[in-house]
C-alpha atoms as a PDB file:
ATOM      1  CA  UNK A   1      55.420 -17.407   3.565  1.00  0.00           C
ATOM      2  CA  UNK A   2      52.298 -15.472   4.465  1.00  0.00           C
ATOM      3  CA  UNK A   3      51.822 -11.897   5.487  1.00  0.00           C
ATOM      4  CA  UNK A   4      49.510  -9.877   7.663  1.00  0.00           C
ATOM      5  CA  UNK A   5      48.720  -6.189   7.282  1.00  0.00           C
ATOM      6  CA  UNK A   6      47.933  -3.893  10.178  1.00  0.00           C
ATOM      7  CA  UNK A   7      46.231  -0.543   9.659  1.00  0.00           C
ATOM      8  CA  UNK A   8      46.304   2.204  12.218  1.00  0.00           C
ATOM      9  CA  UNK A   9      42.935   3.957  12.106  1.00  0.00           C
ATOM     10  CA  UNK A  10      42.490   7.284  10.336  1.00  0.00           C
ATOM     11  CA  UNK A  11      42.164  10.717  11.967  1.00  0.00           C
ATOM     12  CA  UNK A  12      39.274  11.155  14.373  1.00  0.00           C
ATOM     13  CA  UNK A  13      36.793  13.802  15.335  1.00  0.00           C
ATOM     14  CA  UNK A  14      37.889  14.465  18.920  1.00  0.00           C
ATOM     15  CA  UNK A  15      35.121  15.001  21.438  1.00  0.00           C
ATOM     16  CA  UNK A  16      36.482  15.422  24.981  1.00  0.00           C
ATOM     17  CA  UNK A  17      33.006  14.765  26.422  1.00  0.00           C
ATOM     18  CA  UNK A  18      33.016  11.204  25.031  1.00  0.00           C
ATOM     19  CA  UNK A  19      35.378   8.313  25.677  1.00  0.00           C
ATOM     20  CA  UNK A  20      38.012   8.030  22.909  1.00  0.00           C
ATOM     21  CA  UNK A  21      36.717   4.580  21.916  1.00  0.00           C
ATOM     22  CA  UNK A  22      33.487   6.274  20.737  1.00  0.00           C
ATOM     23  CA  UNK A  23      35.140   8.882  18.511  1.00  0.00           C
ATOM     24  CA  UNK A  24      34.240   8.594  14.806  1.00  0.00           C
ATOM     25  CA  UNK A  25      36.539   9.446  11.956  1.00  0.00           C
ATOM     26  CA  UNK A  26      36.741  13.068  10.923  1.00  0.00           C
ATOM     27  CA  UNK A  27      35.799  14.074   7.373  1.00  0.00           C
ATOM     28  CA  UNK A  28      39.512  14.242   6.566  1.00  0.00           C
ATOM     29  CA  UNK A  29      40.049  10.859   8.242  1.00  0.00           C
ATOM     30  CA  UNK A  30      37.369   9.257   6.063  1.00  0.00           C
ATOM     31  CA  UNK A  31      39.014  10.703   2.953  1.00  0.00           C
ATOM     32  CA  UNK A  32      42.471   9.521   4.036  1.00  0.00           C
ATOM     33  CA  UNK A  33      41.143   6.008   4.706  1.00  0.00           C
ATOM     34  CA  UNK A  34      39.809   5.902   1.140  1.00  0.00           C
ATOM     35  CA  UNK A  35      43.186   7.114  -0.158  1.00  0.00           C
ATOM     36  CA  UNK A  36      44.993   4.365   1.775  1.00  0.00           C
ATOM     37  CA  UNK A  37      42.902   1.603   0.201  1.00  0.00           C
ATOM     38  CA  UNK A  38      44.794   1.393  -3.147  1.00  0.00           C
ATOM     39  CA  UNK A  39      48.097   0.935  -1.302  1.00  0.00           C
ATOM     40  CA  UNK A  40      46.578  -1.944   0.622  1.00  0.00           C
ATOM     41  CA  UNK A  41      44.983  -3.370  -2.544  1.00  0.00           C
ATOM     42  CA  UNK A  42      48.477  -4.041  -3.903  1.00  0.00           C
ATOM     43  CA  UNK A  43      48.773  -6.799  -1.263  1.00  0.00           C
ATOM     44  CA  UNK A  44      45.566  -8.604  -2.351  1.00  0.00           C
ATOM     45  CA  UNK A  45      43.802  -8.789   1.006  1.00  0.00           C
ATOM     46  CA  UNK A  46      40.883 -11.147   1.303  1.00  0.00           C
ATOM     47  CA  UNK A  47      39.397  -9.909   4.601  1.00  0.00           C
ATOM     48  CA  UNK A  48      39.420  -6.755   6.700  1.00  0.00           C
ATOM     49  CA  UNK A  49      39.015  -7.336  10.428  1.00  0.00           C
ATOM     50  CA  UNK A  50      38.596  -4.280  12.631  1.00  0.00           C
ATOM     51  CA  UNK A  51      38.699  -3.455  16.287  1.00  0.00           C
ATOM     52  CA  UNK A  52      35.249  -2.880  17.733  1.00  0.00           C
ATOM     53  CA  UNK A  53      36.146   0.749  18.530  1.00  0.00           C
ATOM     54  CA  UNK A  54      34.349   3.246  16.283  1.00  0.00           C
ATOM     55  CA  UNK A  55      37.437   4.784  14.636  1.00  0.00           C
ATOM     56  CA  UNK A  56      38.976   1.433  13.669  1.00  0.00           C
ATOM     57  CA  UNK A  57      35.600   0.054  12.617  1.00  0.00           C
ATOM     58  CA  UNK A  58      35.042   3.080  10.364  1.00  0.00           C
ATOM     59  CA  UNK A  59      38.545   2.757   8.891  1.00  0.00           C
ATOM     60  CA  UNK A  60      38.136  -0.962   8.222  1.00  0.00           C
ATOM     61  CA  UNK A  61      34.693  -0.548   6.702  1.00  0.00           C
ATOM     62  CA  UNK A  62      35.851   2.220   4.346  1.00  0.00           C
ATOM     63  CA  UNK A  63      38.877   0.237   3.160  1.00  0.00           C
ATOM     64  CA  UNK A  64      36.777  -2.903   2.691  1.00  0.00           C
ATOM     65  CA  UNK A  65      34.193  -0.976   0.642  1.00  0.00           C
ATOM     66  CA  UNK A  66      36.913   0.566  -1.525  1.00  0.00           C
ATOM     67  CA  UNK A  67      38.496  -2.852  -2.146  1.00  0.00           C
ATOM     68  CA  UNK A  68      35.266  -4.835  -2.454  1.00  0.00           C
ATOM     69  CA  UNK A  69      36.296  -7.342   0.217  1.00  0.00           C
ATOM     70  CA  UNK A  70      34.339  -8.541   3.246  1.00  0.00           C
ATOM     71  CA  UNK A  71      34.942  -7.069   6.658  1.00  0.00           C
ATOM     72  CA  UNK A  72      33.983  -7.755  10.234  1.00  0.00           C
ATOM     73  CA  UNK A  73      34.883  -6.693  13.743  1.00  0.00           C
ATOM     74  CA  UNK A  74      36.607  -8.906  16.277  1.00  0.00           C
ATOM     75  CA  UNK A  75      37.026  -8.613  20.032  1.00  0.00           C
ATOM     76  CA  UNK A  76      40.254  -7.711  21.812  1.00  0.00           C
ATOM     77  CA  UNK A  77      41.799  -5.691  18.969  1.00  0.00           C
ATOM     78  CA  UNK A  78      41.002  -2.444  20.801  1.00  0.00           C
ATOM     79  CA  UNK A  79      43.471   0.154  22.008  1.00  0.00           C
ATOM     80  CA  UNK A  80      45.265   0.042  25.345  1.00  0.00           C
ATOM     81  CA  UNK A  81      42.304   0.195  27.734  1.00  0.00           C
ATOM     82  CA  UNK A  82      42.103   3.826  28.825  1.00  0.00           C
ATOM     83  CA  UNK A  83      38.563   3.858  30.209  1.00  0.00           C
ATOM     84  CA  UNK A  84      38.350   6.343  33.020  1.00  0.00           C
ATOM     85  CA  UNK A  85      41.615   8.051  32.081  1.00  0.00           C
ATOM     86  CA  UNK A  86      41.448  11.837  31.805  1.00  0.00           C
ATOM     87  CA  UNK A  87      41.336  13.672  28.494  1.00  0.00           C
ATOM     88  CA  UNK A  88      44.661  15.405  27.917  1.00  0.00           C
ATOM     89  CA  UNK A  89      44.098  18.887  26.485  1.00  0.00           C
ATOM     90  CA  UNK A  90      47.802  19.243  25.822  1.00  0.00           C
ATOM     91  CA  UNK A  91      49.474  17.122  23.130  1.00  0.00           C
ATOM     92  CA  UNK A  92      52.662  17.307  25.204  1.00  0.00           C
ATOM     93  CA  UNK A  93      50.898  15.828  28.250  1.00  0.00           C
ATOM     94  CA  UNK A  94      49.516  13.000  26.127  1.00  0.00           C
ATOM     95  CA  UNK A  95      52.935  12.296  24.558  1.00  0.00           C
ATOM     96  CA  UNK A  96      54.529  12.194  27.993  1.00  0.00           C
ATOM     97  CA  UNK A  97      52.001   9.717  29.374  1.00  0.00           C
ATOM     98  CA  UNK A  98      52.304   7.430  26.321  1.00  0.00           C
ATOM     99  CA  UNK A  99      56.106   7.568  26.589  1.00  0.00           C
ATOM    100  CA  UNK A 100      55.765   6.509  30.227  1.00  0.00           C
ATOM    101  CA  UNK A 101      53.517   3.573  29.233  1.00  0.00           C
ATOM    102  CA  UNK A 102      56.181   2.351  26.796  1.00  0.00           C
ATOM    103  CA  UNK A 103      59.010   2.929  29.276  1.00  0.00           C
ATOM    104  CA  UNK A 104      57.257   1.045  32.099  1.00  0.00           C
ATOM    105  CA  UNK A 105      55.309  -1.751  30.395  1.00  0.00           C
ATOM    106  CA  UNK A 106      54.632  -3.718  33.605  1.00  0.00           C
ATOM    107  CA  UNK A 107      53.222  -0.729  35.507  1.00  0.00           C
ATOM    108  CA  UNK A 108      49.658   0.539  35.379  1.00  0.00           C
ATOM    109  CA  UNK A 109      50.301   4.101  34.195  1.00  0.00           C
ATOM    110  CA  UNK A 110      46.825   5.124  33.103  1.00  0.00           C
ATOM    111  CA  UNK A 111      43.651   3.344  32.144  1.00  0.00           C
ATOM    112  CA  UNK A 112      42.808  -0.205  33.158  1.00  0.00           C
ATOM    113  CA  UNK A 113      45.654  -2.333  31.814  1.00  0.00           C
ATOM    114  CA  UNK A 114      49.414  -2.261  31.678  1.00  0.00           C
ATOM    115  CA  UNK A 115      51.241  -2.185  28.361  1.00  0.00           C
ATOM    116  CA  UNK A 116      52.092  -5.864  28.825  1.00  0.00           C
ATOM    117  CA  UNK A 117      48.446  -6.763  29.462  1.00  0.00           C
ATOM    118  CA  UNK A 118      47.341  -4.814  26.383  1.00  0.00           C
ATOM    119  CA  UNK A 119      49.970  -6.481  24.209  1.00  0.00           C
ATOM    120  CA  UNK A 120      49.120  -9.983  25.460  1.00  0.00           C
ATOM    121  CA  UNK A 121      45.388  -9.439  24.865  1.00  0.00           C
ATOM    122  CA  UNK A 122      46.039  -8.127  21.365  1.00  0.00           C
ATOM    123  CA  UNK A 123      48.537 -10.908  20.605  1.00  0.00           C
ATOM    124  CA  UNK A 124      45.989 -13.569  21.557  1.00  0.00           C
ATOM    125  CA  UNK A 125      43.342 -11.943  19.340  1.00  0.00           C
ATOM    126  CA  UNK A 126      45.727 -11.704  16.359  1.00  0.00           C
ATOM    127  CA  UNK A 127      46.778 -15.336  16.678  1.00  0.00           C
ATOM    128  CA  UNK A 128      43.139 -16.383  16.934  1.00  0.00           C
ATOM    129  CA  UNK A 129      42.433 -14.605  13.619  1.00  0.00           C
ATOM    130  CA  UNK A 130      45.459 -16.165  11.924  1.00  0.00           C
ATOM    131  CA  UNK A 131      44.215 -19.582  13.018  1.00  0.00           C
ATOM    132  CA  UNK A 132      40.658 -18.831  11.870  1.00  0.00           C
ATOM    133  CA  UNK A 133      41.819 -17.581   8.429  1.00  0.00           C
ATOM    134  CA  UNK A 134      44.953 -19.633   7.703  1.00  0.00           C
ATOM    135  CA  UNK A 135      44.986 -19.123   3.929  1.00  0.00           C
ATOM    136  CA  UNK A 136      43.706 -15.541   3.783  1.00  0.00           C
ATOM    137  CA  UNK A 137      45.649 -12.305   3.634  1.00  0.00           C
ATOM    138  CA  UNK A 138      44.130 -10.353   6.492  1.00  0.00           C
ATOM    139  CA  UNK A 139      44.132  -6.647   7.163  1.00  0.00           C
ATOM    140  CA  UNK A 140      43.598  -5.789  10.818  1.00  0.00           C
ATOM    141  CA  UNK A 141      42.368  -2.233  11.463  1.00  0.00           C
ATOM    142  CA  UNK A 142      43.453  -1.248  14.944  1.00  0.00           C
ATOM    143  CA  UNK A 143      45.188   1.385  17.084  1.00  0.00           C
ATOM    144  CA  UNK A 144      48.635   2.903  17.401  1.00  0.00           C
ATOM    145  CA  UNK A 145      49.660   2.102  20.957  1.00  0.00           C
ATOM    146  CA  UNK A 146      48.572  -1.524  21.115  1.00  0.00           C
ATOM    147  CA  UNK A 147      49.896  -2.151  17.598  1.00  0.00           C
ATOM    148  CA  UNK A 148      53.270  -0.670  18.548  1.00  0.00           C
ATOM    149  CA  UNK A 149      53.440  -2.790  21.709  1.00  0.00           C
ATOM    150  CA  UNK A 150      52.695  -5.905  19.657  1.00  0.00           C
ATOM    151  CA  UNK A 151      55.220  -5.140  16.906  1.00  0.00           C
ATOM    152  CA  UNK A 152      57.972  -4.163  19.357  1.00  0.00           C
ATOM    153  CA  UNK A 153      57.545  -7.536  21.078  1.00  0.00           C
ATOM    154  CA  UNK A 154      58.399  -9.384  17.837  1.00  0.00           C
ATOM    155  CA  UNK A 155      60.859  -6.893  16.361  1.00  0.00           C
ATOM    156  CA  UNK A 156      63.810  -5.045  17.789  1.00  0.00           C
ATOM    157  CA  UNK A 157      62.914  -1.360  18.011  1.00  0.00           C
ATOM    158  CA  UNK A 158      62.122   1.288  20.589  1.00  0.00           C
ATOM    159  CA  UNK A 159      58.346   1.609  20.783  1.00  0.00           C
ATOM    160  CA  UNK A 160      57.913   5.332  21.452  1.00  0.00           C
ATOM    161  CA  UNK A 161      59.712   6.609  18.313  1.00  0.00           C
ATOM    162  CA  UNK A 162      57.902   4.006  16.193  1.00  0.00           C
ATOM    163  CA  UNK A 163      54.536   5.077  17.654  1.00  0.00           C
ATOM    164  CA  UNK A 164      55.326   8.759  17.038  1.00  0.00           C
ATOM    165  CA  UNK A 165      56.075   8.043  13.373  1.00  0.00           C
ATOM    166  CA  UNK A 166      52.794   6.255  12.671  1.00  0.00           C
ATOM    167  CA  UNK A 167      50.424   8.414  10.661  1.00  0.00           C
ATOM    168  CA  UNK A 168      46.622   8.527  10.835  1.00  0.00           C
ATOM    169  CA  UNK A 169      46.000   6.280   8.917  1.00  0.00           C
ATOM    170  CA  UNK A 170      49.048   4.146   8.294  1.00  0.00           C
ATOM    171  CA  UNK A 171      49.820   0.503   7.633  1.00  0.00           C
ATOM    172  CA  UNK A 172      52.575  -1.998   8.252  1.00  0.00           C
ATOM    173  CA  UNK A 173      53.141  -5.492   6.916  1.00  0.00           C
ATOM    174  CA  UNK A 174      54.512  -8.422   8.893  1.00  0.00           C
ATOM    175  CA  UNK A 175      55.739 -11.777   7.730  1.00  0.00           C
ATOM    176  CA  UNK A 176      54.028 -14.851   9.110  1.00  0.00           C
ATOM    177  CA  UNK A 177      54.566 -16.742  11.290  1.00  0.00           C
ATOM    178  CA  UNK A 178      57.340 -14.752  13.018  1.00  0.00           C
ATOM    179  CA  UNK A 179      55.675 -11.289  12.852  1.00  0.00           C
ATOM    180  CA  UNK A 180      58.866  -9.714  11.465  1.00  0.00           C
ATOM    181  CA  UNK A 181      58.303  -6.362   9.804  1.00  0.00           C
ATOM    182  CA  UNK A 182      58.693  -6.277   6.028  1.00  0.00           C
ATOM    183  CA  UNK A 183      61.110  -3.569   4.947  1.00  0.00           C
END
């Protein structure tokens, strides 16, 4: 039985004048990514694969450097596509819109894809990586919303509370091939 590790990216340096997919990690985020590496090392990963978004790429690269394993980026591991969506100054506004995305997965709430479209894109990318690296223990550095959508599809839980409990950074482990969460 194999396993797959998913890492939610570390804390970012928010810049409301840039799209969120361009935000780098904050100084604290970089430090927290380094601190997460030993916990991931316990699972003997052989590759780190990161979303092409800056924050996930930075997180994956830092963890890979700490562990001395190769890393790369891969397409379609990015966050729910929010290009063109407004920046929410209020955390409460942002929480409300994300809750609505989870509650109405077939509706286009904000951005350019529904929750279902984001999950299907991400699912295809993950399965492509599993096929490409069948004997490796992969770590996929990605994003909270799309990761939650993916995990909720394979496991029985409410997505919004799960998403709210994910830290920056955080990681989860799933069993292959069924994607069931390890306790």
